[in-house]
Amino acid sequence: MPSGYCSGPISRPYSVSITDTQQPAFLEARADGLLLRVRLTPKAGRDDLLRAEADADGKVWLKATVTAVPEKGKANAALAGLLSKKLRLPKSAIRLIAGEQSRLKTLHIAGAPEELMPALLARLADLGLSAP
């Protein structure tokens, strides 16, 4: 087979819908808060939360874009600001715990999970990130 050809199936990300009663796969409850998995695209045309998207391995991430460049933590700070604004959370409650220099990031949202989860599900639904 000539070089540059793929011998297996090509995997592409696909969108995933969530409902108000279903915990999204990119959001996980912990004793001290929630873990949020985000796939960040820096240097985008706008700051936005787009959709839930599964990667080739089936792991689901919340896709986000920010206009900030990925230098000296600028894109990470912009992501925290975006999440704070869109999800109506204090910036101090959002902490990056993995993926500082990667597009795939894990963030910790501090608070009581039994209060945070329903509030975040409602906000995600308001943003159109749920099934119709």
N, C-alpha and C. Protein backbone atom coordinates (compact mmCIF):
# COMPACT_ATOMS: atom_id res chain seq x y z
N MET A 1 0.85 -1.18 0.00
CA MET A 1 0.00 0.00 0.00
C MET A 1 0.90 1.24 0.00
N PRO A 2 0.63 2.23 -0.85
CA PRO A 2 1.45 3.43 -0.90
C PRO A 2 1.38 4.20 0.41
N SER A 3 2.47 4.87 0.75
CA SER A 3 2.46 5.64 1.99
C SER A 3 1.45 6.78 1.89
N GLY A 4 0.90 7.15 3.02
CA GLY A 4 -0.08 8.23 3.06
C GLY A 4 -1.51 7.73 2.97
N TYR A 5 -1.69 6.42 2.76
CA TYR A 5 -3.03 5.87 2.69
C TYR A 5 -3.38 5.26 4.03
N CYS A 6 -4.64 5.36 4.39
CA CYS A 6 -5.13 4.80 5.65
C CYS A 6 -5.66 3.40 5.40
N SER A 7 -5.21 2.44 6.17
CA SER A 7 -5.66 1.07 5.95
C SER A 7 -6.95 0.76 6.70
N GLY A 8 -7.27 1.54 7.70
CA GLY A 8 -8.47 1.28 8.50
C GLY A 8 -9.53 2.35 8.29
N PRO A 9 -10.65 2.20 8.99
CA PRO A 9 -11.71 3.20 8.86
C PRO A 9 -11.27 4.54 9.46
N ILE A 10 -11.74 5.60 8.87
CA ILE A 10 -11.43 6.93 9.36
C ILE A 10 -12.42 7.29 10.45
N SER A 11 -11.94 7.64 11.62
CA SER A 11 -12.85 8.00 12.71
C SER A 11 -12.96 9.51 12.76
N ARG A 12 -14.16 9.99 12.91
CA ARG A 12 -14.43 11.42 12.99
C ARG A 12 -15.23 11.68 14.24
N PRO A 13 -15.06 12.86 14.84
CA PRO A 13 -15.87 13.19 16.02
C PRO A 13 -17.34 13.27 15.62
N TYR A 14 -18.19 12.95 16.55
CA TYR A 14 -19.61 13.08 16.29
C TYR A 14 -20.26 13.79 17.47
N SER A 15 -21.35 14.49 17.19
CA SER A 15 -22.05 15.25 18.22
C SER A 15 -22.89 14.32 19.07
N VAL A 16 -23.05 14.68 20.33
CA VAL A 16 -23.83 13.92 21.27
C VAL A 16 -24.84 14.85 21.91
N SER A 17 -26.09 14.46 21.99
CA SER A 17 -27.11 15.27 22.65
C SER A 17 -27.32 14.79 24.06
N ILE A 18 -27.71 15.71 24.94
CA ILE A 18 -28.03 15.37 26.31
C ILE A 18 -29.42 15.87 26.61
N THR A 19 -30.05 15.28 27.61
CA THR A 19 -31.37 15.72 28.03
C THR A 19 -31.27 16.24 29.45
N ASP A 20 -32.32 16.94 29.90
CA ASP A 20 -32.31 17.52 31.24
C ASP A 20 -32.20 16.48 32.34
N THR A 21 -32.68 15.26 32.10
CA THR A 21 -32.68 14.24 33.13
C THR A 21 -31.45 13.35 33.07
N GLN A 22 -30.62 13.54 32.09
CA GLN A 22 -29.46 12.70 31.87
C GLN A 22 -28.19 13.47 32.21
N GLN A 23 -27.31 12.86 33.00
CA GLN A 23 -26.04 13.50 33.31
C GLN A 23 -25.14 13.36 32.08
N PRO A 24 -24.65 14.49 31.57
CA PRO A 24 -23.78 14.40 30.40
C PRO A 24 -22.49 13.66 30.71
N ALA A 25 -21.98 12.96 29.74
CA ALA A 25 -20.77 12.16 29.92
C ALA A 25 -19.54 13.03 30.18
N PHE A 26 -19.58 14.32 29.80
CA PHE A 26 -18.43 15.19 30.03
C PHE A 26 -18.45 15.82 31.42
N LEU A 27 -19.46 15.50 32.22
CA LEU A 27 -19.63 16.06 33.56
C LEU A 27 -19.71 14.92 34.55
N GLU A 28 -18.87 14.95 35.58
CA GLU A 28 -18.79 13.85 36.54
C GLU A 28 -18.84 14.41 37.96
N ALA A 29 -19.73 13.86 38.78
CA ALA A 29 -19.87 14.29 40.17
C ALA A 29 -18.75 13.70 41.03
N ARG A 30 -18.20 14.51 41.91
CA ARG A 30 -17.21 14.11 42.90
C ARG A 30 -17.69 14.59 44.26
N ALA A 31 -17.07 14.15 45.32
CA ALA A 31 -17.49 14.53 46.66
C ALA A 31 -17.39 16.04 46.89
N ASP A 32 -16.39 16.68 46.28
CA ASP A 32 -16.15 18.11 46.52
C ASP A 32 -16.55 19.00 45.35
N GLY A 33 -17.30 18.46 44.39
CA GLY A 33 -17.71 19.27 43.25
C GLY A 33 -17.93 18.42 42.02
N LEU A 34 -17.67 19.02 40.86
CA LEU A 34 -17.86 18.34 39.58
C LEU A 34 -16.60 18.41 38.75
N LEU A 35 -16.38 17.40 37.93
CA LEU A 35 -15.31 17.43 36.94
C LEU A 35 -15.95 17.67 35.59
N LEU A 36 -15.38 18.58 34.83
CA LEU A 36 -15.88 18.94 33.51
C LEU A 36 -14.77 18.72 32.50
N ARG A 37 -15.05 17.91 31.47
CA ARG A 37 -14.07 17.65 30.41
C ARG A 37 -14.40 18.55 29.22
N VAL A 38 -13.40 19.30 28.77
CA VAL A 38 -13.59 20.27 27.69
C VAL A 38 -12.54 20.05 26.61
N ARG A 39 -12.96 20.14 25.36
CA ARG A 39 -12.03 20.18 24.22
C ARG A 39 -12.01 21.62 23.75
N LEU A 40 -10.90 22.29 23.95
CA LEU A 40 -10.78 23.72 23.69
C LEU A 40 -10.09 23.99 22.35
N THR A 41 -10.68 24.92 21.60
CA THR A 41 -10.06 25.41 20.37
C THR A 41 -9.69 26.88 20.59
N PRO A 42 -8.39 27.19 20.75
CA PRO A 42 -7.97 28.58 20.91
C PRO A 42 -7.89 29.28 19.56
N LYS A 43 -7.70 30.58 19.57
CA LYS A 43 -7.59 31.42 18.37
C LYS A 43 -8.80 31.26 17.45
N ALA A 44 -9.97 31.09 18.03
CA ALA A 44 -11.20 30.94 17.25
C ALA A 44 -11.79 32.32 16.97
N GLY A 45 -12.85 32.34 16.21
CA GLY A 45 -13.51 33.60 15.86
C GLY A 45 -14.34 34.18 16.99
N ARG A 46 -14.71 33.34 17.97
CA ARG A 46 -15.53 33.82 19.09
C ARG A 46 -15.36 32.90 20.29
N ASP A 47 -15.74 33.42 21.44
CA ASP A 47 -15.76 32.62 22.66
C ASP A 47 -17.15 31.98 22.76
N ASP A 48 -17.19 30.63 22.83
CA ASP A 48 -18.49 29.97 22.86
C ASP A 48 -18.37 28.53 23.35
N LEU A 49 -19.47 28.03 23.90
CA LEU A 49 -19.63 26.61 24.20
C LEU A 49 -20.48 26.06 23.06
N LEU A 50 -19.97 25.07 22.33
CA LEU A 50 -20.63 24.64 21.11
C LEU A 50 -21.53 23.43 21.25
N ARG A 51 -20.97 22.31 21.71
CA ARG A 51 -21.74 21.07 21.76
C ARG A 51 -20.92 20.01 22.50
N ALA A 52 -21.60 18.92 22.82
CA ALA A 52 -20.91 17.74 23.34
C ALA A 52 -20.43 16.95 22.15
N GLU A 53 -19.19 16.46 22.23
CA GLU A 53 -18.62 15.75 21.10
C GLU A 53 -17.80 14.58 21.61
N ALA A 54 -17.96 13.44 20.96
CA ALA A 54 -17.19 12.25 21.33
C ALA A 54 -15.97 12.14 20.43
N ASP A 55 -14.86 11.72 21.03
CA ASP A 55 -13.65 11.52 20.23
C ASP A 55 -13.63 10.11 19.65
N ALA A 56 -12.57 9.73 19.00
CA ALA A 56 -12.46 8.42 18.35
C ALA A 56 -12.55 7.28 19.36
N ASP A 57 -12.16 7.54 20.61
CA ASP A 57 -12.21 6.51 21.65
C ASP A 57 -13.56 6.44 22.33
N GLY A 58 -14.48 7.33 21.96
CA GLY A 58 -15.81 7.33 22.55
C GLY A 58 -15.94 8.20 23.79
N LYS A 59 -14.87 8.85 24.20
CA LYS A 59 -14.91 9.73 25.36
C LYS A 59 -15.56 11.06 24.95
N VAL A 60 -16.49 11.54 25.77
CA VAL A 60 -17.25 12.73 25.42
C VAL A 60 -16.65 13.96 26.08
N TRP A 61 -16.54 15.04 25.29
CA TRP A 61 -15.98 16.31 25.74
C TRP A 61 -16.96 17.42 25.38
N LEU A 62 -17.00 18.46 26.17
CA LEU A 62 -17.75 19.66 25.82
C LEU A 62 -16.84 20.51 24.95
N LYS A 63 -17.26 20.79 23.74
CA LYS A 63 -16.43 21.54 22.81
C LYS A 63 -16.60 23.03 23.07
N ALA A 64 -15.49 23.74 23.24
CA ALA A 64 -15.49 25.17 23.50
C ALA A 64 -14.48 25.85 22.61
N THR A 65 -14.74 27.12 22.30
CA THR A 65 -13.80 27.92 21.53
C THR A 65 -13.54 29.24 22.25
N VAL A 66 -12.32 29.72 22.15
CA VAL A 66 -11.96 31.03 22.70
C VAL A 66 -11.10 31.78 21.69
N THR A 67 -11.15 33.10 21.74
CA THR A 67 -10.37 33.92 20.81
C THR A 67 -8.92 34.08 21.28
N ALA A 68 -8.65 33.80 22.53
CA ALA A 68 -7.32 33.98 23.10
C ALA A 68 -6.32 33.00 22.47
N VAL A 69 -5.07 33.42 22.45
CA VAL A 69 -4.00 32.57 21.93
C VAL A 69 -3.53 31.62 23.02
N PRO A 70 -3.01 30.45 22.64
CA PRO A 70 -2.55 29.49 23.64
C PRO A 70 -1.13 29.79 24.12
N GLU A 71 -0.93 30.96 24.69
CA GLU A 71 0.38 31.36 25.19
C GLU A 71 0.26 31.83 26.63
N LYS A 72 1.16 31.35 27.48
CA LYS A 72 1.24 31.79 28.87
C LYS A 72 -0.09 31.70 29.60
N GLY A 73 -0.88 30.66 29.30
CA GLY A 73 -2.14 30.44 30.01
C GLY A 73 -3.29 31.34 29.61
N LYS A 74 -3.13 32.12 28.53
CA LYS A 74 -4.19 33.05 28.11
C LYS A 74 -5.46 32.31 27.69
N ALA A 75 -5.31 31.23 26.93
CA ALA A 75 -6.48 30.47 26.49
C ALA A 75 -7.16 29.78 27.68
N ASN A 76 -6.38 29.29 28.62
CA ASN A 76 -6.95 28.66 29.81
C ASN A 76 -7.73 29.67 30.65
N ALA A 77 -7.18 30.87 30.80
CA ALA A 77 -7.88 31.93 31.54
C ALA A 77 -9.17 32.34 30.82
N ALA A 78 -9.10 32.39 29.49
CA ALA A 78 -10.29 32.74 28.71
C ALA A 78 -11.36 31.65 28.85
N LEU A 79 -10.94 30.39 28.91
CA LEU A 79 -11.89 29.30 29.10
C LEU A 79 -12.57 29.41 30.46
N ALA A 80 -11.80 29.69 31.51
CA ALA A 80 -12.39 29.85 32.84
C ALA A 80 -13.40 31.00 32.84
N GLY A 81 -13.05 32.10 32.18
CA GLY A 81 -13.96 33.24 32.09
C GLY A 81 -15.22 32.90 31.31
N LEU A 82 -15.07 32.16 30.22
CA LEU A 82 -16.21 31.74 29.41
C LEU A 82 -17.15 30.84 30.21
N LEU A 83 -16.58 29.85 30.89
CA LEU A 83 -17.40 28.95 31.69
C LEU A 83 -18.10 29.70 32.82
N SER A 84 -17.38 30.62 33.43
CA SER A 84 -17.96 31.42 34.50
C SER A 84 -19.17 32.22 34.00
N LYS A 85 -19.01 32.83 32.85
CA LYS A 85 -20.07 33.66 32.28
C LYS A 85 -21.25 32.82 31.81
N LYS A 86 -20.98 31.81 30.98
CA LYS A 86 -22.06 31.01 30.38
C LYS A 86 -22.79 30.14 31.40
N LEU A 87 -22.05 29.59 32.36
CA LEU A 87 -22.66 28.69 33.34
C LEU A 87 -23.04 29.41 34.64
N ARG A 88 -22.80 30.71 34.67
CA ARG A 88 -23.12 31.56 35.83
C ARG A 88 -22.51 31.01 37.13
N LEU A 89 -21.20 30.83 37.07
CA LEU A 89 -20.42 30.34 38.21
C LEU A 89 -19.35 31.35 38.56
N PRO A 90 -18.95 31.43 39.82
CA PRO A 90 -17.82 32.32 40.15
C PRO A 90 -16.52 31.75 39.58
N LYS A 91 -15.65 32.63 39.07
CA LYS A 91 -14.37 32.18 38.52
C LYS A 91 -13.55 31.42 39.57
N SER A 92 -13.70 31.81 40.83
CA SER A 92 -12.93 31.16 41.89
C SER A 92 -13.34 29.70 42.09
N ALA A 93 -14.51 29.29 41.60
CA ALA A 93 -14.97 27.91 41.75
C ALA A 93 -14.42 27.01 40.64
N ILE A 94 -13.84 27.59 39.60
CA ILE A 94 -13.36 26.82 38.44
C ILE A 94 -11.84 26.74 38.48
N ARG A 95 -11.34 25.50 38.45
CA ARG A 95 -9.89 25.28 38.52
C ARG A 95 -9.49 24.23 37.50
N LEU A 96 -8.47 24.54 36.71
CA LEU A 96 -7.92 23.60 35.73
C LEU A 96 -7.08 22.57 36.47
N ILE A 97 -7.41 21.29 36.30
CA ILE A 97 -6.64 20.26 37.01
C ILE A 97 -5.84 19.36 36.07
N ALA A 98 -6.16 19.39 34.77
CA ALA A 98 -5.39 18.59 33.81
C ALA A 98 -5.52 19.23 32.42
N GLY A 99 -4.45 19.13 31.65
CA GLY A 99 -4.46 19.60 30.27
C GLY A 99 -4.04 21.04 30.09
N GLU A 100 -3.14 21.51 30.93
CA GLU A 100 -2.70 22.91 30.86
C GLU A 100 -2.19 23.28 29.47
N GLN A 101 -1.46 22.38 28.83
CA GLN A 101 -0.90 22.67 27.50
C GLN A 101 -1.50 21.76 26.43
N SER A 102 -2.72 21.30 26.66
CA SER A 102 -3.40 20.42 25.73
C SER A 102 -4.77 21.00 25.38
N ARG A 103 -5.31 20.57 24.26
CA ARG A 103 -6.68 20.99 23.91
C ARG A 103 -7.70 20.29 24.80
N LEU A 104 -7.37 19.10 25.27
CA LEU A 104 -8.26 18.33 26.12
C LEU A 104 -7.99 18.69 27.57
N LYS A 105 -8.98 19.27 28.22
CA LYS A 105 -8.80 19.81 29.56
C LYS A 105 -9.81 19.22 30.53
N THR A 106 -9.40 19.06 31.76
CA THR A 106 -10.30 18.65 32.84
C THR A 106 -10.30 19.76 33.86
N LEU A 107 -11.50 20.24 34.18
CA LEU A 107 -11.65 21.32 35.14
C LEU A 107 -12.46 20.84 36.33
N HIS A 108 -12.14 21.36 37.50
CA HIS A 108 -12.88 21.05 38.72
C HIS A 108 -13.74 22.27 39.04
N ILE A 109 -15.02 22.00 39.29
CA ILE A 109 -15.94 23.06 39.70
C ILE A 109 -16.29 22.77 41.16
N ALA A 110 -15.84 23.64 42.04
CA ALA A 110 -16.03 23.44 43.48
C ALA A 110 -17.46 23.73 43.90
N GLY A 111 -17.93 22.92 44.83
CA GLY A 111 -19.27 23.11 45.37
C GLY A 111 -19.92 21.78 45.69
N ALA A 112 -21.12 21.85 46.20
CA ALA A 112 -21.87 20.65 46.53
C ALA A 112 -22.45 20.06 45.23
N PRO A 113 -22.05 18.83 44.87
CA PRO A 113 -22.49 18.26 43.60
C PRO A 113 -24.00 18.12 43.49
N GLU A 114 -24.68 17.86 44.60
CA GLU A 114 -26.14 17.70 44.55
C GLU A 114 -26.85 19.02 44.23
N GLU A 115 -26.17 20.15 44.45
CA GLU A 115 -26.73 21.45 44.08
C GLU A 115 -26.21 21.91 42.71
N LEU A 116 -24.95 21.63 42.43
CA LEU A 116 -24.34 22.05 41.17
C LEU A 116 -24.90 21.34 39.96
N MET A 117 -25.07 20.02 40.06
CA MET A 117 -25.47 19.23 38.90
C MET A 117 -26.81 19.70 38.31
N PRO A 118 -27.89 19.82 39.11
CA PRO A 118 -29.15 20.27 38.51
C PRO A 118 -29.06 21.69 37.94
N ALA A 119 -28.31 22.56 38.60
CA ALA A 119 -28.16 23.93 38.12
C ALA A 119 -27.41 23.96 36.79
N LEU A 120 -26.34 23.18 36.68
CA LEU A 120 -25.57 23.14 35.44
C LEU A 120 -26.36 22.48 34.31
N LEU A 121 -27.13 21.44 34.62
CA LEU A 121 -27.95 20.81 33.59
C LEU A 121 -28.96 21.80 33.03
N ALA A 122 -29.55 22.60 33.91
CA ALA A 122 -30.52 23.61 33.46
C ALA A 122 -29.84 24.66 32.59
N ARG A 123 -28.64 25.10 32.99
CA ARG A 123 -27.93 26.11 32.21
C ARG A 123 -27.49 25.57 30.86
N LEU A 124 -27.04 24.32 30.83
CA LEU A 124 -26.66 23.70 29.57
C LEU A 124 -27.87 23.58 28.64
N ALA A 125 -29.02 23.26 29.20
CA ALA A 125 -30.25 23.18 28.40
C ALA A 125 -30.61 24.57 27.87
N ASP A 126 -30.45 25.61 28.70
CA ASP A 126 -30.72 26.98 28.26
C ASP A 126 -29.81 27.39 27.10
N LEU A 127 -28.61 26.86 27.09
CA LEU A 127 -27.64 27.18 26.04
C LEU A 127 -27.85 26.34 24.77
N GLY A 128 -28.84 25.46 24.81
CA GLY A 128 -29.11 24.63 23.64
C GLY A 128 -28.21 23.42 23.54
N LEU A 129 -27.62 23.01 24.63
CA LEU A 129 -26.73 21.86 24.63
C LEU A 129 -27.45 20.60 25.10
N SER A 130 -28.77 20.56 24.90
CA SER A 130 -29.55 19.38 25.26
C SER A 130 -30.38 18.96 24.06
N ALA A 131 -30.94 17.77 24.17
CA ALA A 131 -31.79 17.27 23.09
C ALA A 131 -33.07 18.08 23.03
N PRO A 132 -33.64 18.28 21.85
CA PRO A 132 -34.88 19.06 21.73
C PRO A 132 -36.07 18.39 22.38
